[in-house]
């Protein structure tokens, strides 16, 4: 599978509905709700997990369209490179513009952002463990700019 920044992975595109995703990949292996703030239970994500190491996140604020894709599968590539398992040093050499995001540093890992591609890399024990694909947003950072479906 191949990551296309700001667009998606293979036939799955950001901005798709759950019905559109289901027609491409079938039913997920598991589904759960994620509510970030207990005092705002109406603001939630529905997360579809596939055994292939991919989670698809549908956001209530975006009418439950696909807002981000989390990838933990070793077979996924970006720019013809397998990133899962890559060391922090290799990641920084491959993408000199990558920025460390200390806002999300935890004992369990570190986050790097490749902002021009709307990609986030979560590192655990110094190796890429997870990649998140996000859409580009408008200048006010309020509205996602969904990719065309035929890309």
N, C-alpha and C. Protein backbone atom coordinates (compact mmCIF):
# COMPACT_ATOMS: atom_id res chain seq x y z
N UNK A 1 0.84 -1.18 0.00
CA UNK A 1 0.00 0.00 0.00
C UNK A 1 0.88 1.24 0.00
N UNK A 2 0.34 2.29 -0.61
CA UNK A 2 1.13 3.51 -0.79
C UNK A 2 0.40 4.72 -0.20
N UNK A 3 1.14 5.50 0.60
CA UNK A 3 0.62 6.74 1.16
C UNK A 3 0.66 7.83 0.10
N UNK A 4 -0.44 8.54 -0.06
CA UNK A 4 -0.49 9.73 -0.89
C UNK A 4 -0.82 10.88 0.05
N UNK A 5 0.15 11.75 0.35
CA UNK A 5 -0.06 12.82 1.32
C UNK A 5 -1.29 13.68 0.98
N UNK A 6 -2.02 14.05 2.03
CA UNK A 6 -3.21 14.90 1.94
C UNK A 6 -4.35 14.23 1.18
N UNK A 7 -4.15 12.99 0.76
CA UNK A 7 -5.16 12.28 -0.04
C UNK A 7 -5.61 11.01 0.65
N UNK A 8 -4.69 10.08 0.92
CA UNK A 8 -5.09 8.83 1.55
C UNK A 8 -4.10 7.72 1.32
N UNK A 9 -4.63 6.50 1.26
CA UNK A 9 -3.81 5.31 1.08
C UNK A 9 -4.55 4.39 0.11
N UNK A 10 -3.89 4.08 -0.99
CA UNK A 10 -4.50 3.26 -2.04
C UNK A 10 -5.86 3.83 -2.43
N UNK A 11 -6.91 3.03 -2.39
CA UNK A 11 -8.23 3.49 -2.85
C UNK A 11 -9.00 4.25 -1.77
N UNK A 12 -8.45 4.36 -0.56
CA UNK A 12 -9.13 5.06 0.54
C UNK A 12 -8.67 6.52 0.55
N UNK A 13 -9.64 7.42 0.43
CA UNK A 13 -9.35 8.85 0.35
C UNK A 13 -9.95 9.59 1.55
N UNK A 14 -9.22 10.55 2.06
CA UNK A 14 -9.75 11.42 3.09
C UNK A 14 -11.02 12.08 2.56
N UNK A 15 -12.00 12.27 3.44
CA UNK A 15 -13.27 12.87 3.04
C UNK A 15 -14.31 11.86 2.61
N UNK A 16 -13.94 10.57 2.54
CA UNK A 16 -14.91 9.54 2.17
C UNK A 16 -15.89 9.31 3.32
N UNK A 17 -17.09 8.86 2.97
CA UNK A 17 -18.06 8.44 3.97
C UNK A 17 -17.74 7.00 4.38
N UNK A 18 -18.38 6.54 5.45
CA UNK A 18 -18.19 5.16 5.89
C UNK A 18 -18.71 4.19 4.83
N UNK A 19 -19.80 4.55 4.15
CA UNK A 19 -20.32 3.68 3.08
C UNK A 19 -19.32 3.55 1.94
N UNK A 20 -18.68 4.67 1.58
CA UNK A 20 -17.69 4.63 0.49
C UNK A 20 -16.50 3.77 0.88
N UNK A 21 -16.03 3.91 2.12
CA UNK A 21 -14.90 3.09 2.59
C UNK A 21 -15.29 1.62 2.60
N UNK A 22 -16.48 1.34 3.11
CA UNK A 22 -16.94 -0.04 3.19
C UNK A 22 -17.04 -0.68 1.80
N UNK A 23 -17.42 0.10 0.81
CA UNK A 23 -17.50 -0.46 -0.55
C UNK A 23 -16.12 -0.78 -1.11
N UNK A 24 -15.07 -0.13 -0.60
CA UNK A 24 -13.70 -0.38 -1.06
C UNK A 24 -13.03 -1.51 -0.28
N UNK A 25 -13.12 -1.46 1.04
CA UNK A 25 -12.38 -2.39 1.90
C UNK A 25 -13.27 -3.35 2.67
N UNK A 26 -14.57 -3.22 2.56
CA UNK A 26 -15.45 -4.06 3.35
C UNK A 26 -15.58 -3.56 4.77
N UNK A 27 -16.25 -4.34 5.58
CA UNK A 27 -16.47 -3.97 6.98
C UNK A 27 -15.16 -4.02 7.75
N UNK A 28 -14.99 -3.11 8.73
CA UNK A 28 -13.78 -3.15 9.55
C UNK A 28 -13.77 -4.37 10.46
N UNK A 29 -12.60 -4.70 10.96
CA UNK A 29 -12.47 -5.82 11.89
C UNK A 29 -12.98 -5.45 13.28
N UNK A 30 -12.91 -4.16 13.62
CA UNK A 30 -13.51 -3.68 14.87
C UNK A 30 -13.81 -2.20 14.73
N UNK A 31 -14.74 -1.73 15.58
CA UNK A 31 -15.18 -0.33 15.58
C UNK A 31 -15.24 0.13 17.03
N UNK A 32 -14.77 1.35 17.29
CA UNK A 32 -14.96 1.93 18.62
C UNK A 32 -15.12 3.44 18.48
N UNK A 33 -15.73 4.03 19.51
CA UNK A 33 -15.90 5.49 19.59
C UNK A 33 -14.77 6.06 20.41
N UNK A 34 -14.32 7.26 20.02
CA UNK A 34 -13.32 7.98 20.79
C UNK A 34 -13.89 9.35 21.11
N UNK A 35 -14.01 9.66 22.40
CA UNK A 35 -14.49 10.96 22.85
C UNK A 35 -13.34 11.62 23.59
N UNK A 36 -12.81 12.70 23.01
CA UNK A 36 -11.63 13.36 23.58
C UNK A 36 -11.95 14.11 24.87
N UNK A 37 -13.11 14.74 24.93
CA UNK A 37 -13.47 15.54 26.10
C UNK A 37 -14.76 15.00 26.70
N UNK A 38 -14.69 14.60 27.95
CA UNK A 38 -15.87 14.02 28.61
C UNK A 38 -17.04 14.98 28.65
N UNK A 39 -16.77 16.29 28.74
CA UNK A 39 -17.86 17.26 28.81
C UNK A 39 -18.45 17.59 27.43
N UNK A 40 -17.93 16.98 26.36
CA UNK A 40 -18.47 17.18 25.01
C UNK A 40 -18.64 15.83 24.31
N UNK A 41 -19.52 14.96 24.85
CA UNK A 41 -19.66 13.63 24.26
C UNK A 41 -20.23 13.65 22.84
N UNK A 42 -20.84 14.77 22.45
CA UNK A 42 -21.35 14.86 21.08
C UNK A 42 -20.22 15.00 20.06
N UNK A 43 -19.06 15.47 20.51
CA UNK A 43 -17.88 15.58 19.65
C UNK A 43 -17.08 14.29 19.78
N UNK A 44 -17.23 13.43 18.80
CA UNK A 44 -16.54 12.15 18.90
C UNK A 44 -16.04 11.71 17.54
N UNK A 45 -15.16 10.74 17.60
CA UNK A 45 -14.68 10.07 16.41
C UNK A 45 -15.18 8.64 16.47
N UNK A 46 -15.49 8.12 15.31
CA UNK A 46 -15.73 6.68 15.18
C UNK A 46 -14.51 6.13 14.47
N UNK A 47 -13.90 5.14 15.10
CA UNK A 47 -12.65 4.58 14.58
C UNK A 47 -12.91 3.18 14.05
N UNK A 48 -12.55 2.98 12.79
CA UNK A 48 -12.63 1.66 12.16
C UNK A 48 -11.22 1.08 12.12
N UNK A 49 -11.06 -0.10 12.69
CA UNK A 49 -9.76 -0.77 12.69
C UNK A 49 -9.80 -1.95 11.73
N UNK A 50 -8.76 -2.05 10.94
CA UNK A 50 -8.58 -3.18 10.03
C UNK A 50 -7.35 -3.96 10.48
N UNK A 51 -7.42 -5.28 10.37
CA UNK A 51 -6.31 -6.12 10.81
C UNK A 51 -5.02 -5.86 10.05
N UNK A 52 -5.11 -5.17 8.93
CA UNK A 52 -3.89 -4.86 8.17
C UNK A 52 -3.08 -3.73 8.81
N UNK A 53 -3.43 -3.33 10.05
CA UNK A 53 -2.67 -2.31 10.76
C UNK A 53 -3.07 -0.89 10.42
N UNK A 54 -4.33 -0.70 10.07
CA UNK A 54 -4.80 0.63 9.67
C UNK A 54 -6.06 0.98 10.44
N UNK A 55 -6.09 2.22 10.95
CA UNK A 55 -7.28 2.76 11.61
C UNK A 55 -7.77 3.96 10.82
N UNK A 56 -9.07 3.98 10.56
CA UNK A 56 -9.70 5.09 9.84
C UNK A 56 -10.55 5.86 10.83
N UNK A 57 -10.37 7.18 10.89
CA UNK A 57 -11.02 8.02 11.88
C UNK A 57 -12.06 8.93 11.23
N UNK A 58 -13.32 8.76 11.65
CA UNK A 58 -14.44 9.53 11.13
C UNK A 58 -14.89 10.51 12.22
N UNK A 59 -14.89 11.79 11.92
CA UNK A 59 -15.11 12.85 12.91
C UNK A 59 -16.54 13.40 12.85
N UNK A 60 -17.20 13.49 14.02
CA UNK A 60 -18.56 14.03 14.08
C UNK A 60 -18.60 15.48 13.60
N UNK A 61 -17.54 16.25 13.85
CA UNK A 61 -17.51 17.66 13.42
C UNK A 61 -17.45 17.79 11.90
N UNK A 62 -17.07 16.73 11.22
CA UNK A 62 -16.99 16.74 9.76
C UNK A 62 -18.03 15.79 9.17
N UNK A 63 -19.17 15.69 9.83
CA UNK A 63 -20.29 14.85 9.37
C UNK A 63 -19.86 13.39 9.19
N UNK A 64 -18.96 12.96 10.04
CA UNK A 64 -18.43 11.60 10.05
C UNK A 64 -17.78 11.20 8.73
N UNK A 65 -17.12 12.17 8.09
CA UNK A 65 -16.28 11.84 6.93
C UNK A 65 -14.90 11.46 7.44
N UNK A 66 -14.16 10.74 6.63
CA UNK A 66 -12.82 10.25 7.02
C UNK A 66 -11.87 11.43 7.17
N UNK A 67 -11.47 11.71 8.42
CA UNK A 67 -10.64 12.88 8.72
C UNK A 67 -9.15 12.54 8.86
N UNK A 68 -8.83 11.29 9.21
CA UNK A 68 -7.42 10.91 9.28
C UNK A 68 -7.28 9.40 9.18
N UNK A 69 -6.08 8.98 8.80
CA UNK A 69 -5.75 7.57 8.63
C UNK A 69 -4.49 7.30 9.45
N UNK A 70 -4.56 6.33 10.37
CA UNK A 70 -3.42 5.93 11.18
C UNK A 70 -2.91 4.59 10.66
N UNK A 71 -1.61 4.53 10.40
CA UNK A 71 -1.01 3.36 9.77
C UNK A 71 0.08 2.80 10.66
N UNK A 72 -0.01 1.51 10.94
CA UNK A 72 1.03 0.83 11.69
C UNK A 72 1.54 -0.40 10.96
N UNK A 73 1.18 -0.52 9.70
CA UNK A 73 1.53 -1.68 8.88
C UNK A 73 2.90 -1.50 8.23
N UNK A 74 3.75 -2.48 8.40
CA UNK A 74 5.11 -2.39 7.86
C UNK A 74 5.17 -2.37 6.34
N UNK A 75 4.13 -2.81 5.67
CA UNK A 75 4.16 -2.88 4.21
C UNK A 75 3.80 -1.59 3.50
N UNK A 76 3.47 -0.54 4.24
CA UNK A 76 3.04 0.72 3.63
C UNK A 76 4.26 1.56 3.26
N UNK A 77 4.20 2.20 2.07
CA UNK A 77 5.32 3.01 1.61
C UNK A 77 4.92 4.47 1.39
N UNK A 78 5.91 5.34 1.47
CA UNK A 78 5.79 6.75 1.11
C UNK A 78 7.07 7.10 0.36
N UNK A 79 6.92 7.65 -0.82
CA UNK A 79 8.06 7.95 -1.69
C UNK A 79 8.92 6.70 -1.89
N UNK A 80 8.25 5.57 -2.08
CA UNK A 80 8.89 4.26 -2.32
C UNK A 80 9.78 3.78 -1.18
N UNK A 81 9.52 4.28 0.04
CA UNK A 81 10.30 3.88 1.20
C UNK A 81 9.35 3.33 2.26
N UNK A 82 9.72 2.20 2.85
CA UNK A 82 8.97 1.66 3.98
C UNK A 82 9.41 2.44 5.22
N UNK A 83 8.45 3.08 5.90
CA UNK A 83 8.78 3.94 7.02
C UNK A 83 8.60 3.29 8.38
N UNK A 84 7.66 2.37 8.51
CA UNK A 84 7.46 1.71 9.80
C UNK A 84 8.73 0.93 10.14
N UNK A 85 9.27 1.19 11.31
CA UNK A 85 10.52 0.55 11.74
C UNK A 85 11.76 1.38 11.46
N UNK A 86 11.61 2.47 10.68
CA UNK A 86 12.76 3.33 10.37
C UNK A 86 13.22 4.03 11.66
N UNK A 87 14.54 4.19 11.81
CA UNK A 87 15.08 4.86 13.00
C UNK A 87 14.84 6.36 12.91
N UNK A 88 14.91 7.00 14.06
CA UNK A 88 14.75 8.46 14.11
C UNK A 88 15.81 9.15 13.25
N UNK A 89 17.03 8.67 13.31
CA UNK A 89 18.11 9.25 12.52
C UNK A 89 17.82 9.11 11.02
N UNK A 90 17.40 7.92 10.59
CA UNK A 90 17.07 7.70 9.18
C UNK A 90 15.91 8.60 8.74
N UNK A 91 14.92 8.75 9.60
CA UNK A 91 13.76 9.59 9.29
C UNK A 91 14.20 11.05 9.09
N UNK A 92 15.04 11.53 9.97
CA UNK A 92 15.52 12.93 9.88
C UNK A 92 16.40 13.14 8.65
N UNK A 93 17.17 12.12 8.27
CA UNK A 93 18.00 12.22 7.06
C UNK A 93 17.14 12.19 5.80
N UNK A 94 16.13 11.33 5.78
CA UNK A 94 15.24 11.21 4.62
C UNK A 94 14.41 12.46 4.42
N UNK A 95 13.97 13.08 5.52
CA UNK A 95 13.11 14.26 5.46
C UNK A 95 13.72 15.40 6.28
N UNK A 96 14.67 16.15 5.70
CA UNK A 96 15.35 17.21 6.45
C UNK A 96 14.40 18.30 6.98
N UNK A 97 13.21 18.44 6.37
CA UNK A 97 12.26 19.47 6.82
C UNK A 97 11.35 18.99 7.95
N UNK A 98 11.53 17.77 8.40
CA UNK A 98 10.67 17.23 9.45
C UNK A 98 10.89 18.01 10.75
N UNK A 99 9.79 18.21 11.50
CA UNK A 99 9.87 18.99 12.73
C UNK A 99 9.46 18.13 13.92
N UNK A 100 10.24 18.24 14.97
CA UNK A 100 9.91 17.55 16.21
C UNK A 100 8.77 18.29 16.89
N UNK A 101 7.75 17.56 17.34
CA UNK A 101 6.59 18.15 17.98
C UNK A 101 6.63 17.82 19.46
N UNK A 102 7.22 18.71 20.27
CA UNK A 102 7.37 18.43 21.70
C UNK A 102 6.05 18.53 22.46
N UNK A 103 5.00 19.02 21.82
CA UNK A 103 3.69 19.11 22.47
C UNK A 103 3.15 17.72 22.82
N UNK A 104 3.53 16.72 22.03
CA UNK A 104 3.01 15.38 22.24
C UNK A 104 4.07 14.39 22.72
N UNK A 105 5.15 14.88 23.30
CA UNK A 105 6.16 13.95 23.81
C UNK A 105 5.65 13.28 25.08
N UNK A 106 5.72 11.99 25.07
CA UNK A 106 5.32 11.20 26.22
C UNK A 106 6.43 10.20 26.52
N UNK A 107 6.36 9.58 27.68
CA UNK A 107 7.34 8.54 28.00
C UNK A 107 7.30 7.42 26.97
N UNK A 108 6.12 7.24 26.36
CA UNK A 108 5.96 6.13 25.41
C UNK A 108 6.44 6.46 23.99
N UNK A 109 6.73 7.71 23.68
CA UNK A 109 7.17 8.01 22.33
C UNK A 109 7.35 9.49 22.04
N UNK A 110 7.71 9.75 20.79
CA UNK A 110 7.94 11.11 20.30
C UNK A 110 7.21 11.29 18.98
N UNK A 111 6.81 12.52 18.69
CA UNK A 111 6.06 12.81 17.47
C UNK A 111 6.85 13.77 16.58
N UNK A 112 6.88 13.46 15.30
CA UNK A 112 7.48 14.33 14.29
C UNK A 112 6.42 14.64 13.24
N UNK A 113 6.50 15.84 12.68
CA UNK A 113 5.51 16.29 11.69
C UNK A 113 6.23 16.71 10.42
N UNK A 114 5.72 16.24 9.30
CA UNK A 114 6.17 16.67 7.98
C UNK A 114 5.02 17.53 7.45
N UNK A 115 5.02 18.81 7.84
CA UNK A 115 3.85 19.67 7.64
C UNK A 115 3.49 19.89 6.19
N UNK A 116 4.46 19.96 5.29
CA UNK A 116 4.12 20.19 3.88
C UNK A 116 3.37 19.02 3.27
N UNK A 117 3.41 17.86 3.93
CA UNK A 117 2.70 16.67 3.46
C UNK A 117 1.56 16.27 4.38
N UNK A 118 1.35 17.02 5.48
CA UNK A 118 0.31 16.68 6.47
C UNK A 118 0.46 15.25 6.98
N UNK A 119 1.72 14.88 7.27
CA UNK A 119 2.02 13.56 7.82
C UNK A 119 2.62 13.71 9.20
N UNK A 120 2.25 12.79 10.08
CA UNK A 120 2.77 12.75 11.43
C UNK A 120 3.38 11.37 11.66
N UNK A 121 4.52 11.34 12.33
CA UNK A 121 5.23 10.10 12.59
C UNK A 121 5.39 9.92 14.09
N UNK A 122 4.84 8.85 14.63
CA UNK A 122 4.97 8.55 16.05
C UNK A 122 6.08 7.52 16.21
N UNK A 123 7.10 7.88 17.01
CA UNK A 123 8.23 6.99 17.23
C UNK A 123 8.18 6.40 18.63
N UNK A 124 8.41 5.11 18.73
CA UNK A 124 8.50 4.39 20.00
C UNK A 124 9.85 3.70 20.01
N UNK A 125 10.57 3.87 21.10
CA UNK A 125 11.91 3.29 21.22
C UNK A 125 12.80 3.67 20.05
N UNK A 126 12.66 4.93 19.57
CA UNK A 126 13.53 5.46 18.52
C UNK A 126 13.22 4.99 17.12
N UNK A 127 12.08 4.31 16.92
CA UNK A 127 11.71 3.82 15.58
C UNK A 127 10.27 4.23 15.25
N UNK A 128 10.02 4.46 13.95
CA UNK A 128 8.68 4.83 13.51
C UNK A 128 7.73 3.67 13.79
N UNK A 129 6.70 3.95 14.56
CA UNK A 129 5.71 2.96 14.96
C UNK A 129 4.37 3.18 14.26
N UNK A 130 4.10 4.44 13.92
CA UNK A 130 2.78 4.79 13.39
C UNK A 130 2.91 6.06 12.55
N UNK A 131 2.13 6.12 11.47
CA UNK A 131 2.09 7.29 10.60
C UNK A 131 0.64 7.73 10.49
N UNK A 132 0.39 9.04 10.57
CA UNK A 132 -0.97 9.57 10.42
C UNK A 132 -1.02 10.47 9.20
N UNK A 133 -2.01 10.21 8.35
CA UNK A 133 -2.28 11.04 7.17
C UNK A 133 -3.45 11.95 7.50
N UNK A 134 -3.29 13.24 7.27
CA UNK A 134 -4.35 14.22 7.51
C UNK A 134 -4.58 15.03 6.26
N UNK A 135 -5.78 15.63 6.15
CA UNK A 135 -6.02 16.49 4.99
C UNK A 135 -5.38 17.86 5.19
N UNK A 136 -5.25 18.56 4.12
CA UNK A 136 -4.85 19.97 4.19
C UNK A 136 -6.07 20.76 4.65
N UNK A 137 -5.85 21.85 5.36
CA UNK A 137 -6.94 22.71 5.81
C UNK A 137 -6.85 24.07 5.13
N UNK A 138 -7.97 24.78 5.13
CA UNK A 138 -8.01 26.12 4.53
C UNK A 138 -7.13 27.07 5.35
N UNK A 139 -7.01 28.31 4.88
CA UNK A 139 -6.11 29.28 5.53
C UNK A 139 -6.50 29.57 6.97
N UNK A 140 -7.80 29.47 7.29
CA UNK A 140 -8.24 29.72 8.66
C UNK A 140 -8.05 28.50 9.55
N UNK A 141 -7.61 27.39 8.95
CA UNK A 141 -7.42 26.12 9.64
C UNK A 141 -8.73 25.59 10.23
N UNK A 142 -9.84 25.94 9.60
CA UNK A 142 -11.15 25.53 10.08
C UNK A 142 -11.79 24.43 9.26
N UNK A 143 -11.50 24.41 7.97
CA UNK A 143 -12.20 23.47 7.08
C UNK A 143 -11.20 22.62 6.30
N UNK A 144 -11.42 21.31 6.31
CA UNK A 144 -10.54 20.46 5.52
C UNK A 144 -10.76 20.67 4.03
N UNK A 145 -9.68 20.59 3.28
CA UNK A 145 -9.74 20.67 1.82
C UNK A 145 -9.66 19.23 1.33
N UNK A 146 -10.82 18.64 1.12
CA UNK A 146 -10.87 17.23 0.75
C UNK A 146 -10.27 17.00 -0.62
N UNK A 147 -9.55 15.91 -0.79
CA UNK A 147 -8.99 15.59 -2.11
C UNK A 147 -10.11 15.20 -3.08
N UNK A 148 -9.84 15.38 -4.36
CA UNK A 148 -10.79 14.90 -5.36
C UNK A 148 -10.86 13.38 -5.28
N UNK A 149 -12.01 12.83 -5.49
CA UNK A 149 -12.20 11.37 -5.35
C UNK A 149 -11.48 10.58 -6.44
N UNK A 150 -11.17 11.24 -7.57
CA UNK A 150 -10.56 10.50 -8.68
C UNK A 150 -9.04 10.58 -8.68
N UNK A 151 -8.43 11.01 -7.60
CA UNK A 151 -6.96 11.09 -7.55
C UNK A 151 -6.40 9.71 -7.30
